């Protein structure tokens, strides 16, 4: 039964956030508050905006009502707390297709790149997370490459903190798939080689993935060989991390397509650890190892060595995964070939 008793408990009011307008007036009001000359009003409006744009519909409304254009200006704010929340809002908007399209349309990457040297770690972290989300779509990766941002990202790899490194490496992977030349001209391979011994397993995994991506184009294969990276990758083949192992085997697989890569991998002792990986239950590890052995088997001395291991490879012909069966059949055909 209803009661007329009034609760003594006061309603919870978050003083750090602005009050939101009703219905479709919410975003227009926030847009006005983002332009307010008073710092605390801008801060409260940013806090609300960051909560709202998790919703794709609200993100669309924020873009439609001009909030992203205003955020582009606020990236240059002198107050660090404003820059942090602004970059966070951009990062959240970049999670949606409409947001990524708007970032390109309004050229938000340019002011974002100005914050790569921001003294606040949280601000730089948000910037790199936003760039990573933008690079996840081909149009975004192409835009980052055309903006000339790749050399700056490569320069940040040796100096940035661990929580930022993974985002930079992921962005570079996407950009390299669009055009590897800017990264290669920035000595990216040598920088990545120095990071292969990083104490963090997550960073090593990201570095190995980036090296695999950069070894796909012909220029990347030559840079991997010239940089002496293959001996380091062979050592990683015996490591415990399957992600690192799969990418290391994949980089050897791509690099060994060229003659110089074949002989460097064989001289580094790649065949014995690759044969052990053929027995792995991880599909990526097993498939990459089989393909790497296939390319190495094009060298007569390696083919002779691998013929003794045909029973091992034939055992993979019954694997439930078709990708493993095909890779094993190709390897057996190449190893069994006689002139």
Protein backbone atom coordinates (compact mmCIF):
# COMPACT_ATOMS: atom_id res chain seq x y z
CA UNK A 1 0.00 0.00 0.00
CA UNK A 2 1.30 3.45 -0.88
CA UNK A 3 2.59 5.65 1.91
CA UNK A 4 2.84 9.42 2.26
CA UNK A 5 6.05 9.11 4.26
CA UNK A 6 8.92 11.12 2.72
CA UNK A 7 12.34 9.52 2.76
CA UNK A 8 15.04 11.34 4.70
CA UNK A 9 17.70 10.03 2.30
CA UNK A 10 18.71 12.76 -0.14
CA UNK A 11 19.00 11.90 -3.83
CA UNK A 12 22.50 11.26 -5.12
CA UNK A 13 23.80 14.18 -7.17
CA UNK A 14 27.20 13.93 -8.85
CA UNK A 15 28.66 17.43 -8.63
CA UNK A 16 31.43 16.54 -11.07
CA UNK A 17 28.97 16.19 -13.96
CA UNK A 18 26.64 18.62 -15.65
CA UNK A 19 22.90 18.04 -15.55
CA UNK A 20 21.83 16.55 -18.86
CA UNK A 21 19.09 18.12 -20.94
CA UNK A 22 15.95 16.10 -21.62
CA UNK A 23 15.71 13.98 -24.78
CA UNK A 24 17.22 15.48 -27.89
CA UNK A 25 18.28 18.60 -25.98
CA UNK A 26 21.07 16.75 -24.15
CA UNK A 27 23.82 17.01 -26.78
CA UNK A 28 23.04 20.59 -27.93
CA UNK A 29 23.27 21.74 -24.33
CA UNK A 30 26.56 19.91 -23.81
CA UNK A 31 27.89 21.48 -26.99
CA UNK A 32 27.22 24.92 -25.52
CA UNK A 33 28.81 23.99 -22.20
CA UNK A 34 31.93 22.70 -23.95
CA UNK A 35 32.44 26.28 -25.16
CA UNK A 36 31.90 27.86 -21.75
CA UNK A 37 34.79 30.08 -20.61
CA UNK A 38 34.59 28.68 -17.08
CA UNK A 39 36.89 25.67 -16.64
CA UNK A 40 34.74 23.69 -14.23
CA UNK A 41 31.74 23.83 -16.58
CA UNK A 42 33.82 22.47 -19.46
CA UNK A 43 35.17 19.74 -17.20
CA UNK A 44 31.66 18.69 -16.09
CA UNK A 45 30.40 18.69 -19.67
CA UNK A 46 33.29 16.47 -20.76
CA UNK A 47 32.54 14.00 -17.96
CA UNK A 48 28.94 13.66 -19.13
CA UNK A 49 29.93 13.41 -22.78
CA UNK A 50 32.32 10.54 -22.02
CA UNK A 51 29.47 8.67 -20.34
CA UNK A 52 27.02 9.27 -23.18
CA UNK A 53 29.13 8.37 -26.23
CA UNK A 54 29.48 4.74 -25.18
CA UNK A 55 26.06 4.47 -26.86
CA UNK A 56 26.40 4.46 -30.69
CA UNK A 57 23.24 6.54 -31.02
CA UNK A 58 24.57 9.19 -28.65
CA UNK A 59 27.92 9.13 -30.45
CA UNK A 60 26.09 9.87 -33.69
CA UNK A 61 24.18 12.73 -32.02
CA UNK A 62 27.44 14.12 -30.60
CA UNK A 63 28.97 14.18 -34.08
CA UNK A 64 25.77 15.59 -35.65
CA UNK A 65 25.55 18.40 -33.05
CA UNK A 66 29.15 19.53 -33.59
CA UNK A 67 30.65 18.15 -30.38
CA UNK A 68 33.54 16.48 -32.23
CA UNK A 69 34.46 19.76 -33.91
CA UNK A 70 34.52 21.37 -30.49
CA UNK A 71 36.61 18.52 -29.08
CA UNK A 72 39.15 19.13 -31.85
CA UNK A 73 39.64 22.65 -30.49
CA UNK A 74 39.72 21.47 -26.87
CA UNK A 75 42.63 19.12 -27.61
CA UNK A 76 44.77 22.27 -27.46
CA UNK A 77 43.44 23.35 -24.04
CA UNK A 78 46.08 24.47 -21.55
CA UNK A 79 44.45 22.53 -18.70
CA UNK A 80 45.71 18.94 -18.46
CA UNK A 81 42.43 17.58 -17.04
CA UNK A 82 40.53 18.97 -20.04
CA UNK A 83 43.02 17.40 -22.45
CA UNK A 84 42.73 14.04 -20.69
CA UNK A 85 38.93 13.95 -20.84
CA UNK A 86 38.90 15.34 -24.37
CA UNK A 87 41.23 12.61 -25.65
CA UNK A 88 39.13 10.06 -23.75
CA UNK A 89 35.99 11.33 -25.49
CA UNK A 90 37.70 11.11 -28.89
CA UNK A 91 38.83 7.57 -28.08
CA UNK A 92 35.28 6.55 -27.13
CA UNK A 93 33.78 8.14 -30.25
CA UNK A 94 36.36 6.29 -32.37
CA UNK A 95 34.78 3.01 -31.23
CA UNK A 96 31.90 3.61 -33.66
CA UNK A 97 31.90 3.73 -37.45
CA UNK A 98 30.27 7.14 -37.51
CA UNK A 99 32.95 8.38 -35.12
CA UNK A 100 35.86 7.05 -37.20
CA UNK A 101 34.38 8.59 -40.35
CA UNK A 102 34.02 11.91 -38.55
CA UNK A 103 37.61 11.80 -37.25
CA UNK A 104 38.79 11.58 -40.84
CA UNK A 105 36.31 14.15 -42.15
CA UNK A 106 37.23 16.77 -39.55
CA UNK A 107 40.97 15.95 -39.58
CA UNK A 108 41.15 15.30 -35.84
CA UNK A 109 44.36 13.29 -36.34
CA UNK A 110 46.43 16.47 -36.77
CA UNK A 111 45.68 17.93 -33.30
CA UNK A 112 45.89 14.44 -31.82
CA UNK A 113 49.43 14.07 -33.16
CA UNK A 114 50.37 17.33 -31.42
CA UNK A 115 49.73 15.54 -28.10
CA UNK A 116 52.21 12.70 -28.74
CA UNK A 117 54.68 14.62 -26.57
CA UNK A 118 52.14 15.64 -23.92
CA UNK A 119 53.70 15.48 -20.43
CA UNK A 120 50.66 13.67 -18.98
CA UNK A 121 50.80 9.87 -19.40
CA UNK A 122 47.01 9.43 -19.36
CA UNK A 123 46.61 11.93 -22.18
CA UNK A 124 49.18 10.22 -24.40
CA UNK A 125 47.64 6.84 -23.63
CA UNK A 126 44.21 8.05 -24.79
CA UNK A 127 45.74 9.52 -27.95
CA UNK A 128 47.36 6.24 -28.94
CA UNK A 129 44.25 4.24 -28.11
CA UNK A 130 42.21 6.57 -30.34
CA UNK A 131 44.73 6.21 -33.19
CA UNK A 132 44.63 2.42 -32.78
CA UNK A 133 40.84 2.37 -33.10
CA UNK A 134 41.00 4.61 -36.16
CA UNK A 135 43.65 2.38 -37.79
CA UNK A 136 41.47 -0.72 -37.36
CA UNK A 137 39.56 0.24 -40.50
CA UNK A 138 41.48 0.46 -43.82
CA UNK A 139 40.38 4.03 -44.47
CA UNK A 140 41.66 5.08 -41.06
CA UNK A 141 45.01 3.35 -41.53
CA UNK A 142 45.39 4.97 -44.95
CA UNK A 143 44.62 8.36 -43.43
CA UNK A 144 47.22 7.94 -40.68
CA UNK A 145 49.84 6.90 -43.26
CA UNK A 146 48.98 9.80 -45.58
CA UNK A 147 49.19 12.18 -42.60
CA UNK A 148 52.87 11.27 -42.21
CA UNK A 149 52.33 10.03 -38.67
CA UNK A 150 54.08 6.65 -39.00
CA UNK A 151 57.67 7.97 -38.51
CA UNK A 152 56.56 9.72 -35.32
CA UNK A 153 55.02 6.50 -34.02
CA UNK A 154 58.23 4.59 -34.74
CA UNK A 155 60.24 7.21 -32.85
CA UNK A 156 58.00 6.75 -29.82
CA UNK A 157 58.60 2.99 -29.54
CA UNK A 158 61.93 3.13 -27.63
CA UNK A 159 60.80 5.85 -25.20
CA UNK A 160 57.13 5.23 -24.39
CA UNK A 161 55.87 3.34 -21.37
CA UNK A 162 54.60 -0.24 -21.54
CA UNK A 163 50.89 0.61 -21.34
CA UNK A 164 51.25 2.82 -24.43
CA UNK A 165 53.61 0.58 -26.41
CA UNK A 166 50.98 -2.06 -27.19
CA UNK A 167 48.67 0.55 -28.77
CA UNK A 168 51.49 2.01 -30.89
CA UNK A 169 52.53 -1.44 -32.11
CA UNK A 170 48.95 -2.34 -33.03
CA UNK A 171 48.56 0.93 -34.95
CA UNK A 172 51.80 0.28 -36.82
CA UNK A 173 50.62 -3.22 -37.76
CA UNK A 174 47.49 -1.82 -39.39
CA UNK A 175 49.43 0.96 -41.14
CA UNK A 176 52.12 -1.39 -42.46
CA UNK A 177 49.44 -3.50 -44.15
CA UNK A 178 48.37 -0.39 -46.06
CA UNK A 179 51.89 0.87 -46.89
CA UNK A 180 55.07 -0.49 -45.30
CA UNK A 181 57.45 2.03 -46.86
CA UNK A 182 57.12 4.86 -44.26
CA UNK A 183 57.83 2.41 -41.41
CA UNK A 184 60.74 0.80 -43.25
CA UNK A 185 62.29 4.17 -44.06
CA UNK A 186 62.08 5.03 -40.34
CA UNK A 187 64.28 2.01 -39.43
CA UNK A 188 61.28 0.31 -37.83
CA UNK A 189 62.80 -3.18 -38.17
CA UNK A 190 65.84 -2.31 -36.04
CA UNK A 191 63.65 -0.66 -33.42
CA UNK A 192 61.40 -3.72 -33.27
CA UNK A 193 64.41 -6.04 -33.03
CA UNK A 194 65.57 -4.22 -29.90
CA UNK A 195 62.12 -4.71 -28.35
CA UNK A 196 62.08 -8.49 -28.91
CA UNK A 197 63.80 -8.92 -25.55
CA UNK A 198 61.30 -6.73 -23.68
CA UNK A 199 60.43 -8.17 -20.23
CA UNK A 200 56.67 -7.91 -20.85
CA UNK A 201 55.23 -10.93 -22.70
CA UNK A 202 52.41 -8.78 -24.09
CA UNK A 203 54.90 -6.34 -25.61
CA UNK A 204 56.99 -9.17 -27.08
CA UNK A 205 53.81 -10.62 -28.61
CA UNK A 206 52.91 -7.27 -30.16
CA UNK A 207 56.46 -6.77 -31.46
CA UNK A 208 56.49 -10.23 -33.05
CA UNK A 209 53.11 -9.50 -34.67
CA UNK A 210 54.43 -6.19 -36.04
CA UNK A 211 57.51 -7.90 -37.46
CA UNK A 212 55.33 -10.50 -39.16
CA UNK A 213 53.24 -7.75 -40.76
CA UNK A 214 56.30 -5.83 -41.92
CA UNK A 215 57.87 -8.92 -43.49
CA UNK A 216 54.97 -9.40 -45.93
CA UNK A 217 56.09 -6.84 -48.59
CA UNK A 218 59.32 -7.47 -50.49
CA UNK A 219 61.05 -4.42 -49.00
CA UNK A 220 60.23 -5.70 -45.53
CA UNK A 221 61.77 -9.11 -46.24
CA UNK A 222 65.05 -7.47 -47.26
CA UNK A 223 65.03 -5.19 -44.21
CA UNK A 224 64.49 -8.18 -41.88
CA UNK A 225 67.48 -9.92 -43.48
CA UNK A 226 69.67 -6.81 -43.46
CA UNK A 227 68.79 -6.13 -39.84
CA UNK A 228 69.91 -9.59 -38.71
CA UNK A 229 66.54 -10.30 -37.09
CA UNK A 230 66.19 -13.97 -38.10
CA UNK A 231 68.59 -15.40 -35.44
CA UNK A 232 66.56 -13.62 -32.74
CA UNK A 233 63.33 -15.00 -34.18
CA UNK A 234 64.74 -18.54 -34.21
CA UNK A 235 65.40 -18.23 -30.47
CA UNK A 236 61.78 -17.21 -29.92
CA UNK A 237 60.57 -20.41 -31.59
CA UNK A 238 61.40 -22.30 -28.40
CA UNK A 239 59.64 -19.86 -26.08
CA UNK A 240 56.54 -20.60 -23.98
CA UNK A 241 54.29 -17.90 -25.46
CA UNK A 242 52.29 -19.35 -28.37
CA UNK A 243 51.45 -15.90 -29.73
CA UNK A 244 55.12 -14.95 -29.96
CA UNK A 245 56.00 -18.37 -31.40
CA UNK A 246 53.32 -18.20 -34.10
CA UNK A 247 54.39 -14.71 -35.21
CA UNK A 248 58.09 -15.63 -35.15
CA UNK A 249 57.39 -18.67 -37.35
CA UNK A 250 55.23 -16.49 -39.60
CA UNK A 251 57.99 -13.90 -40.02
CA UNK A 252 60.45 -16.67 -40.95
CA UNK A 253 57.84 -18.05 -43.34
CA UNK A 254 57.47 -14.71 -45.16
CA UNK A 255 61.16 -13.77 -45.10
CA UNK A 256 62.31 -17.17 -46.36
CA UNK A 257 60.47 -16.54 -49.62
CA UNK A 258 63.55 -14.65 -50.83
CA UNK A 259 66.85 -16.51 -51.27
CA UNK A 260 68.73 -14.45 -48.71
CA UNK A 261 66.05 -15.16 -46.14
CA UNK A 262 66.19 -18.91 -46.78
CA UNK A 263 69.92 -19.18 -46.20
CA UNK A 264 69.91 -16.87 -43.15
CA UNK A 265 67.14 -18.91 -41.51
CA UNK A 266 68.92 -22.21 -42.22
CA UNK A 267 72.23 -20.85 -40.90
CA UNK A 268 70.44 -19.63 -37.76
CA UNK A 269 69.24 -23.19 -37.11
CA UNK A 270 65.55 -22.68 -37.79
CA UNK A 271 64.74 -26.22 -39.01
CA UNK A 272 64.95 -28.20 -35.69
CA UNK A 273 62.68 -25.86 -33.67
CA UNK A 274 60.25 -25.57 -36.58
CA UNK A 275 59.96 -29.36 -36.72
CA UNK A 276 59.07 -29.39 -33.02
CA UNK A 277 56.37 -26.80 -33.65
CA UNK A 278 54.77 -29.03 -36.29
CA UNK A 279 53.48 -31.13 -33.40
CA UNK A 280 51.87 -28.13 -31.68
CA UNK A 281 48.12 -28.25 -31.13
CA UNK A 282 47.88 -24.52 -31.75
CA UNK A 283 46.67 -24.10 -35.34
CA UNK A 284 48.53 -20.85 -36.03
CA UNK A 285 51.81 -22.19 -34.65
CA UNK A 286 51.54 -25.49 -36.55
CA UNK A 287 50.44 -23.93 -39.85
CA UNK A 288 53.15 -21.25 -39.82
CA UNK A 289 55.81 -23.82 -38.95
CA UNK A 290 54.73 -26.09 -41.82
CA UNK A 291 54.73 -23.20 -44.29
CA UNK A 292 58.14 -21.99 -43.09
CA UNK A 293 59.55 -25.50 -43.58
CA UNK A 294 58.02 -25.57 -47.06
CA UNK A 295 59.88 -22.42 -48.11
CA UNK A 296 63.14 -23.63 -46.55
CA UNK A 297 62.79 -26.99 -48.35
CA UNK A 298 63.40 -25.19 -51.63
CA UNK A 299 67.09 -25.21 -50.66
CA UNK A 300 68.63 -28.62 -51.57
CA UNK A 301 70.56 -29.09 -48.30
CA UNK A 302 67.43 -28.33 -46.25
CA UNK A 303 65.33 -30.64 -48.42
CA UNK A 304 67.73 -33.51 -47.77
CA UNK A 305 67.54 -32.86 -44.02
CA UNK A 306 63.74 -32.72 -44.05
CA UNK A 307 63.23 -35.92 -46.02
CA UNK A 308 64.13 -37.85 -42.90
CA UNK A 309 61.20 -36.14 -41.12
CA UNK A 310 58.49 -37.06 -43.65
CA UNK A 311 56.74 -39.48 -41.21
CA UNK A 312 56.31 -36.58 -38.80
CA UNK A 313 54.77 -34.40 -41.49
CA UNK A 314 52.58 -37.23 -42.77
CA UNK A 315 51.08 -37.51 -39.29
CA UNK A 316 49.61 -34.02 -39.77
CA UNK A 317 47.62 -35.15 -42.82
CA UNK A 318 44.96 -36.51 -40.46
CA UNK A 319 44.62 -33.28 -38.48
CA UNK A 320 40.98 -32.15 -38.03
CA UNK A 321 41.80 -28.61 -39.25
CA UNK A 322 41.85 -28.29 -43.04
CA UNK A 323 44.45 -25.51 -42.90
CA UNK A 324 46.91 -27.92 -41.24
CA UNK A 325 46.15 -30.74 -43.70
CA UNK A 326 46.73 -28.47 -46.70
CA UNK A 327 49.96 -27.03 -45.27
CA UNK A 328 51.27 -30.53 -44.47
CA UNK A 329 50.41 -31.83 -47.95
CA UNK A 330 52.21 -28.90 -49.59
CA UNK A 331 55.27 -29.38 -47.39
CA UNK A 332 55.44 -33.10 -48.17
CA UNK A 333 55.12 -32.43 -51.90
CA UNK A 334 57.97 -29.89 -51.88
CA UNK A 335 60.25 -31.99 -49.66
CA UNK A 336 59.63 -35.12 -51.74
CA UNK A 337 60.40 -33.37 -55.03
CA UNK A 338 63.47 -34.59 -56.90
CA UNK A 339 65.09 -32.85 -59.90
